[in-house]
Amino acid sequence: MNKVPITLKGVEKLRQELKHLKSERRPQVVQAIAEARAHGDLKENAEYHAAKEEQGFIEGRIKDIDSKLSNAEIIDVTSLGDVGRIVFGATLDLYDEDEEKEVHYQIVGEDEADVKEKKISITSPLARALIGKQEGDVVEFAAPGGRKTFEVISIKYV
C-alpha cells in the first residue's frame, strides 16, 4: 500500500484519539455491556444492543486509525526550512481576487483536512494548483463553484 502524507500535528492528533479510544472508551463500553447483560433477556435489551453497537464503532475506529498510522508518511514541515515554494504542510496567506479578501490555509493530508480549521487536503483542486508556486504567483484553477483566482502573499513552514 502507498504511503499517505500527514503532518506531525496530524499524526499526533490521531495518536491521541487512539489512546483515548483504547484507554477510556473501550473500557467504558465493556462496562456498559456487562451492566446491560445483568439486566437479563438480551433479545429485548436496548441498552445491551446500543452498547454492542458502540463497541463495534470503537473497534472499527481503532482499526482505521491503526491502518492510517501504519501507512503514514510523517512530514515535519518545520524541518524543511525556507524552500521558497509551496509544498505539503505549508501555511499560506492568499489573496482571493474574486472575493477581494485575504484567506489563510494549510495544505495537509486527506485525513486531517478540515475547512473550519483552514486545513485543505493535498488532493483538493486548490492545493493541487498551489503546489510548487512561490510568493507573488497568481493561481487560477477550476473550483467546484467555477473558476477561482488567488495570489500567493506569503508561505510559512510552521
C-alpha atoms as a PDB file:
ATOM      1  CA  MET A   1       0.000   0.000   0.000  1.00  0.00           C
ATOM      2  CA  ASN A   2       1.217   3.516  -0.769  1.00  0.00           C
ATOM      3  CA  LYS A   3       2.342   5.824   1.999  1.00  0.00           C
ATOM      4  CA  VAL A   4      -0.053   8.683   2.759  1.00  0.00           C
ATOM      5  CA  PRO A   5       1.416  12.082   3.693  1.00  0.00           C
ATOM      6  CA  ILE A   6       0.431  13.518   7.058  1.00  0.00           C
ATOM      7  CA  THR A   7       1.798  16.377   9.126  1.00  0.00           C
ATOM      8  CA  LEU A   8       3.432  15.845  12.502  1.00  0.00           C
ATOM      9  CA  LYS A   9       0.457  17.585  14.183  1.00  0.00           C
ATOM     10  CA  GLY A  10      -1.961  15.357  12.274  1.00  0.00           C
ATOM     11  CA  VAL A  11      -0.252  12.152  13.383  1.00  0.00           C
ATOM     12  CA  GLU A  12      -0.170  13.374  16.996  1.00  0.00           C
ATOM     13  CA  LYS A  13      -3.919  14.053  16.839  1.00  0.00           C
ATOM     14  CA  LEU A  14      -4.526  10.507  15.562  1.00  0.00           C
ATOM     15  CA  ARG A  15      -2.317   9.030  18.293  1.00  0.00           C
ATOM     16  CA  GLN A  16      -4.223  10.970  20.970  1.00  0.00           C
ATOM     17  CA  GLU A  17      -7.548   9.748  19.612  1.00  0.00           C
ATOM     18  CA  LEU A  18      -6.251   6.175  19.545  1.00  0.00           C
ATOM     19  CA  LYS A  19      -5.041   6.427  23.129  1.00  0.00           C
ATOM     20  CA  HIS A  20      -8.414   7.851  24.224  1.00  0.00           C
ATOM     21  CA  LEU A  21     -10.331   5.087  22.465  1.00  0.00           C
ATOM     22  CA  LYS A  22      -8.170   2.290  23.896  1.00  0.00           C
ATOM     23  CA  SER A  23      -7.729   3.570  27.438  1.00  0.00           C
ATOM     24  CA  GLU A  24     -11.079   5.258  28.102  1.00  0.00           C
ATOM     25  CA  ARG A  25     -13.842   4.497  25.591  1.00  0.00           C
ATOM     26  CA  ARG A  26     -13.147   0.761  25.173  1.00  0.00           C
ATOM     27  CA  PRO A  27     -13.238   0.044  28.952  1.00  0.00           C
ATOM     28  CA  GLN A  28     -16.384   2.186  29.326  1.00  0.00           C
ATOM     29  CA  VAL A  29     -18.265   0.254  26.651  1.00  0.00           C
ATOM     30  CA  VAL A  30     -17.133  -3.106  28.078  1.00  0.00           C
ATOM     31  CA  GLN A  31     -18.516  -1.988  31.437  1.00  0.00           C
ATOM     32  CA  ALA A  32     -21.776  -0.864  29.800  1.00  0.00           C
ATOM     33  CA  ILE A  33     -22.152  -4.266  28.105  1.00  0.00           C
ATOM     34  CA  ALA A  34     -21.565  -6.063  31.404  1.00  0.00           C
ATOM     35  CA  GLU A  35     -24.177  -3.898  33.149  1.00  0.00           C
ATOM     36  CA  ALA A  36     -26.699  -4.422  30.338  1.00  0.00           C
ATOM     37  CA  ARG A  37     -26.164  -8.196  30.481  1.00  0.00           C
ATOM     38  CA  ALA A  38     -27.016  -8.117  34.172  1.00  0.00           C
ATOM     39  CA  HIS A  39     -30.492  -6.805  33.289  1.00  0.00           C
ATOM     40  CA  GLY A  40     -31.474 -10.165  31.836  1.00  0.00           C
ATOM     41  CA  ASP A  41     -33.017 -11.087  28.455  1.00  0.00           C
ATOM     42  CA  LEU A  42     -30.600  -9.858  25.771  1.00  0.00           C
ATOM     43  CA  LYS A  43     -33.062 -10.135  22.860  1.00  0.00           C
ATOM     44  CA  GLU A  44     -35.122  -7.185  24.048  1.00  0.00           C
ATOM     45  CA  ASN A  45     -32.423  -5.317  25.943  1.00  0.00           C
ATOM     46  CA  ALA A  46     -31.958  -1.976  24.154  1.00  0.00           C
ATOM     47  CA  GLU A  47     -29.075  -0.949  26.420  1.00  0.00           C
ATOM     48  CA  TYR A  48     -27.160  -4.103  25.506  1.00  0.00           C
ATOM     49  CA  HIS A  49     -27.702  -3.631  21.766  1.00  0.00           C
ATOM     50  CA  ALA A  50     -26.699   0.047  21.955  1.00  0.00           C
ATOM     51  CA  ALA A  51     -23.541  -0.815  23.882  1.00  0.00           C
ATOM     52  CA  LYS A  52     -22.632  -3.580  21.396  1.00  0.00           C
ATOM     53  CA  GLU A  53     -23.163  -1.140  18.513  1.00  0.00           C
ATOM     54  CA  GLU A  54     -20.944   1.420  20.262  1.00  0.00           C
ATOM     55  CA  GLN A  55     -18.311  -1.281  20.790  1.00  0.00           C
ATOM     56  CA  GLY A  56     -18.366  -2.074  17.070  1.00  0.00           C
ATOM     57  CA  PHE A  57     -17.909   1.588  16.223  1.00  0.00           C
ATOM     58  CA  ILE A  58     -14.988   1.973  18.655  1.00  0.00           C
ATOM     59  CA  GLU A  59     -13.230  -1.181  17.441  1.00  0.00           C
ATOM     60  CA  GLY A  60     -13.719  -0.095  13.822  1.00  0.00           C
ATOM     61  CA  ARG A  61     -12.278   3.340  14.519  1.00  0.00           C
ATOM     62  CA  ILE A  62      -9.282   1.826  16.361  1.00  0.00           C
ATOM     63  CA  LYS A  63      -8.608  -0.429  13.355  1.00  0.00           C
ATOM     64  CA  ASP A  64      -8.979   2.559  10.986  1.00  0.00           C
ATOM     65  CA  ILE A  65      -6.527   4.719  12.966  1.00  0.00           C
ATOM     66  CA  ASP A  66      -4.027   1.840  13.267  1.00  0.00           C
ATOM     67  CA  SER A  67      -4.170   1.431   9.486  1.00  0.00           C
ATOM     68  CA  LYS A  68      -3.714   5.161   8.870  1.00  0.00           C
ATOM     69  CA  LEU A  69      -0.741   5.327  11.218  1.00  0.00           C
ATOM     70  CA  SER A  70       0.936   2.294   9.663  1.00  0.00           C
ATOM     71  CA  ASN A  71       0.589   3.813   6.165  1.00  0.00           C
ATOM     72  CA  ALA A  72       1.528   7.355   7.187  1.00  0.00           C
ATOM     73  CA  GLU A  73       4.470   9.237   5.771  1.00  0.00           C
ATOM     74  CA  ILE A  74       5.044  11.795   8.519  1.00  0.00           C
ATOM     75  CA  ILE A  75       6.278  15.116   7.221  1.00  0.00           C
ATOM     76  CA  ASP A  76       7.665  17.624   9.716  1.00  0.00           C
ATOM     77  CA  VAL A  77       7.164  20.940   7.951  1.00  0.00           C
ATOM     78  CA  THR A  78       9.341  22.838  10.426  1.00  0.00           C
ATOM     79  CA  SER A  79      12.387  20.795   9.394  1.00  0.00           C
ATOM     80  CA  LEU A  80      12.079  21.817   5.751  1.00  0.00           C
ATOM     81  CA  GLY A  81      13.461  25.313   6.248  1.00  0.00           C
ATOM     82  CA  ASP A  82      12.512  28.057   3.817  1.00  0.00           C
ATOM     83  CA  VAL A  83      12.211  26.254   0.487  1.00  0.00           C
ATOM     84  CA  GLY A  84      10.660  29.311  -1.166  1.00  0.00           C
ATOM     85  CA  ARG A  85       7.764  27.472  -2.748  1.00  0.00           C
ATOM     86  CA  ILE A  86       4.520  25.858  -1.698  1.00  0.00           C
ATOM     87  CA  VAL A  87       4.942  22.268  -0.517  1.00  0.00           C
ATOM     88  CA  PHE A  88       2.925  19.813   1.551  1.00  0.00           C
ATOM     89  CA  GLY A  89       2.354  21.202   5.049  1.00  0.00           C
ATOM     90  CA  ALA A  90       2.965  24.847   4.120  1.00  0.00           C
ATOM     91  CA  THR A  91       0.760  27.503   5.709  1.00  0.00           C
ATOM     92  CA  LEU A  92      -0.339  30.100   3.191  1.00  0.00           C
ATOM     93  CA  ASP A  93      -1.624  33.637   3.113  1.00  0.00           C
ATOM     94  CA  LEU A  94      -3.508  34.121  -0.145  1.00  0.00           C
ATOM     95  CA  TYR A  95      -5.460  36.946  -1.687  1.00  0.00           C
ATOM     96  CA  ASP A  96      -8.772  35.754  -3.119  1.00  0.00           C
ATOM     97  CA  GLU A  97      -9.128  38.029  -6.145  1.00  0.00           C
ATOM     98  CA  ASP A  98     -12.762  37.038  -6.728  1.00  0.00           C
ATOM     99  CA  GLU A  99     -13.881  37.785  -3.152  1.00  0.00           C
ATOM    100  CA  GLU A 100     -11.324  40.598  -2.733  1.00  0.00           C
ATOM    101  CA  LYS A 101     -10.148  39.368   0.657  1.00  0.00           C
ATOM    102  CA  GLU A 102      -7.187  37.637   2.265  1.00  0.00           C
ATOM    103  CA  VAL A 103      -7.537  33.962   3.228  1.00  0.00           C
ATOM    104  CA  HIS A 104      -5.276  31.556   5.111  1.00  0.00           C
ATOM    105  CA  TYR A 105      -4.836  27.811   4.544  1.00  0.00           C
ATOM    106  CA  GLN A 106      -2.516  24.960   5.420  1.00  0.00           C
ATOM    107  CA  ILE A 107      -2.042  22.106   2.958  1.00  0.00           C
ATOM    108  CA  VAL A 108      -2.409  18.797   4.814  1.00  0.00           C
ATOM    109  CA  GLY A 109      -3.171  15.125   4.222  1.00  0.00           C
ATOM    110  CA  GLU A 110      -6.648  13.895   3.356  1.00  0.00           C
ATOM    111  CA  ASP A 111      -7.301  12.554   6.858  1.00  0.00           C
ATOM    112  CA  GLU A 112      -6.521  15.838   8.603  1.00  0.00           C
ATOM    113  CA  ALA A 113      -8.265  18.227   6.194  1.00  0.00           C
ATOM    114  CA  ASP A 114     -10.830  20.447   7.938  1.00  0.00           C
ATOM    115  CA  VAL A 115     -12.210  23.554   6.240  1.00  0.00           C
ATOM    116  CA  LYS A 116     -13.288  25.043   9.598  1.00  0.00           C
ATOM    117  CA  GLU A 117      -9.654  24.907  10.745  1.00  0.00           C
ATOM    118  CA  LYS A 118      -8.476  26.258   7.345  1.00  0.00           C
ATOM    119  CA  LYS A 119      -6.718  22.977   6.525  1.00  0.00           C
ATOM    120  CA  ILE A 120      -7.138  21.839   2.927  1.00  0.00           C
ATOM    121  CA  SER A 121      -6.352  18.415   1.526  1.00  0.00           C
ATOM    122  CA  ILE A 122      -3.337  17.945  -0.716  1.00  0.00           C
ATOM    123  CA  THR A 123      -5.760  16.366  -3.213  1.00  0.00           C
ATOM    124  CA  SER A 124      -8.100  19.384  -3.350  1.00  0.00           C
ATOM    125  CA  PRO A 125      -8.195  21.408  -6.589  1.00  0.00           C
ATOM    126  CA  LEU A 126      -6.820  24.490  -4.799  1.00  0.00           C
ATOM    127  CA  ALA A 127      -3.895  22.635  -3.203  1.00  0.00           C
ATOM    128  CA  ARG A 128      -3.020  20.894  -6.460  1.00  0.00           C
ATOM    129  CA  ALA A 129      -2.966  24.280  -8.218  1.00  0.00           C
ATOM    130  CA  LEU A 130      -0.814  25.854  -5.474  1.00  0.00           C
ATOM    131  CA  ILE A 131       1.905  23.181  -5.095  1.00  0.00           C
ATOM    132  CA  GLY A 132       5.219  24.477  -6.394  1.00  0.00           C
ATOM    133  CA  LYS A 133       4.127  28.123  -6.603  1.00  0.00           C
ATOM    134  CA  GLN A 134       6.057  30.991  -4.978  1.00  0.00           C
ATOM    135  CA  GLU A 135       5.199  34.268  -3.279  1.00  0.00           C
ATOM    136  CA  GLY A 136       3.719  36.701  -5.803  1.00  0.00           C
ATOM    137  CA  ASP A 137       2.449  33.971  -8.142  1.00  0.00           C
ATOM    138  CA  VAL A 138      -1.166  34.152  -9.282  1.00  0.00           C
ATOM    139  CA  VAL A 139      -3.041  30.848  -9.473  1.00  0.00           C
ATOM    140  CA  GLU A 140      -6.227  30.273 -11.434  1.00  0.00           C
ATOM    141  CA  PHE A 141      -7.975  26.928 -11.117  1.00  0.00           C
ATOM    142  CA  ALA A 142     -11.315  25.228 -11.633  1.00  0.00           C
ATOM    143  CA  ALA A 143     -13.179  25.029  -8.316  1.00  0.00           C
ATOM    144  CA  PRO A 144     -16.490  23.192  -7.905  1.00  0.00           C
ATOM    145  CA  GLY A 145     -18.243  26.596  -7.964  1.00  0.00           C
ATOM    146  CA  GLY A 146     -16.419  27.880 -11.047  1.00  0.00           C
ATOM    147  CA  ARG A 147     -13.013  29.399 -11.820  1.00  0.00           C
ATOM    148  CA  LYS A 148     -11.170  30.999  -8.888  1.00  0.00           C
ATOM    149  CA  THR A 149      -8.066  33.174  -8.770  1.00  0.00           C
ATOM    150  CA  PHE A 150      -5.668  33.545  -5.839  1.00  0.00           C
ATOM    151  CA  GLU A 151      -2.416  35.440  -5.393  1.00  0.00           C
ATOM    152  CA  VAL A 152       0.196  33.910  -3.083  1.00  0.00           C
ATOM    153  CA  ILE A 153       1.053  36.543  -0.453  1.00  0.00           C
ATOM    154  CA  SER A 154       3.261  34.514   1.887  1.00  0.00           C
ATOM    155  CA  ILE A 155       4.373  30.964   2.621  1.00  0.00           C
ATOM    156  CA  LYS A 156       5.249  29.708   6.112  1.00  0.00           C
ATOM    157  CA  TYR A 157       6.585  26.352   7.251  1.00  0.00           C
ATOM    158  CA  VAL A 158       5.336  26.092  10.843  1.00  0.00           C
END
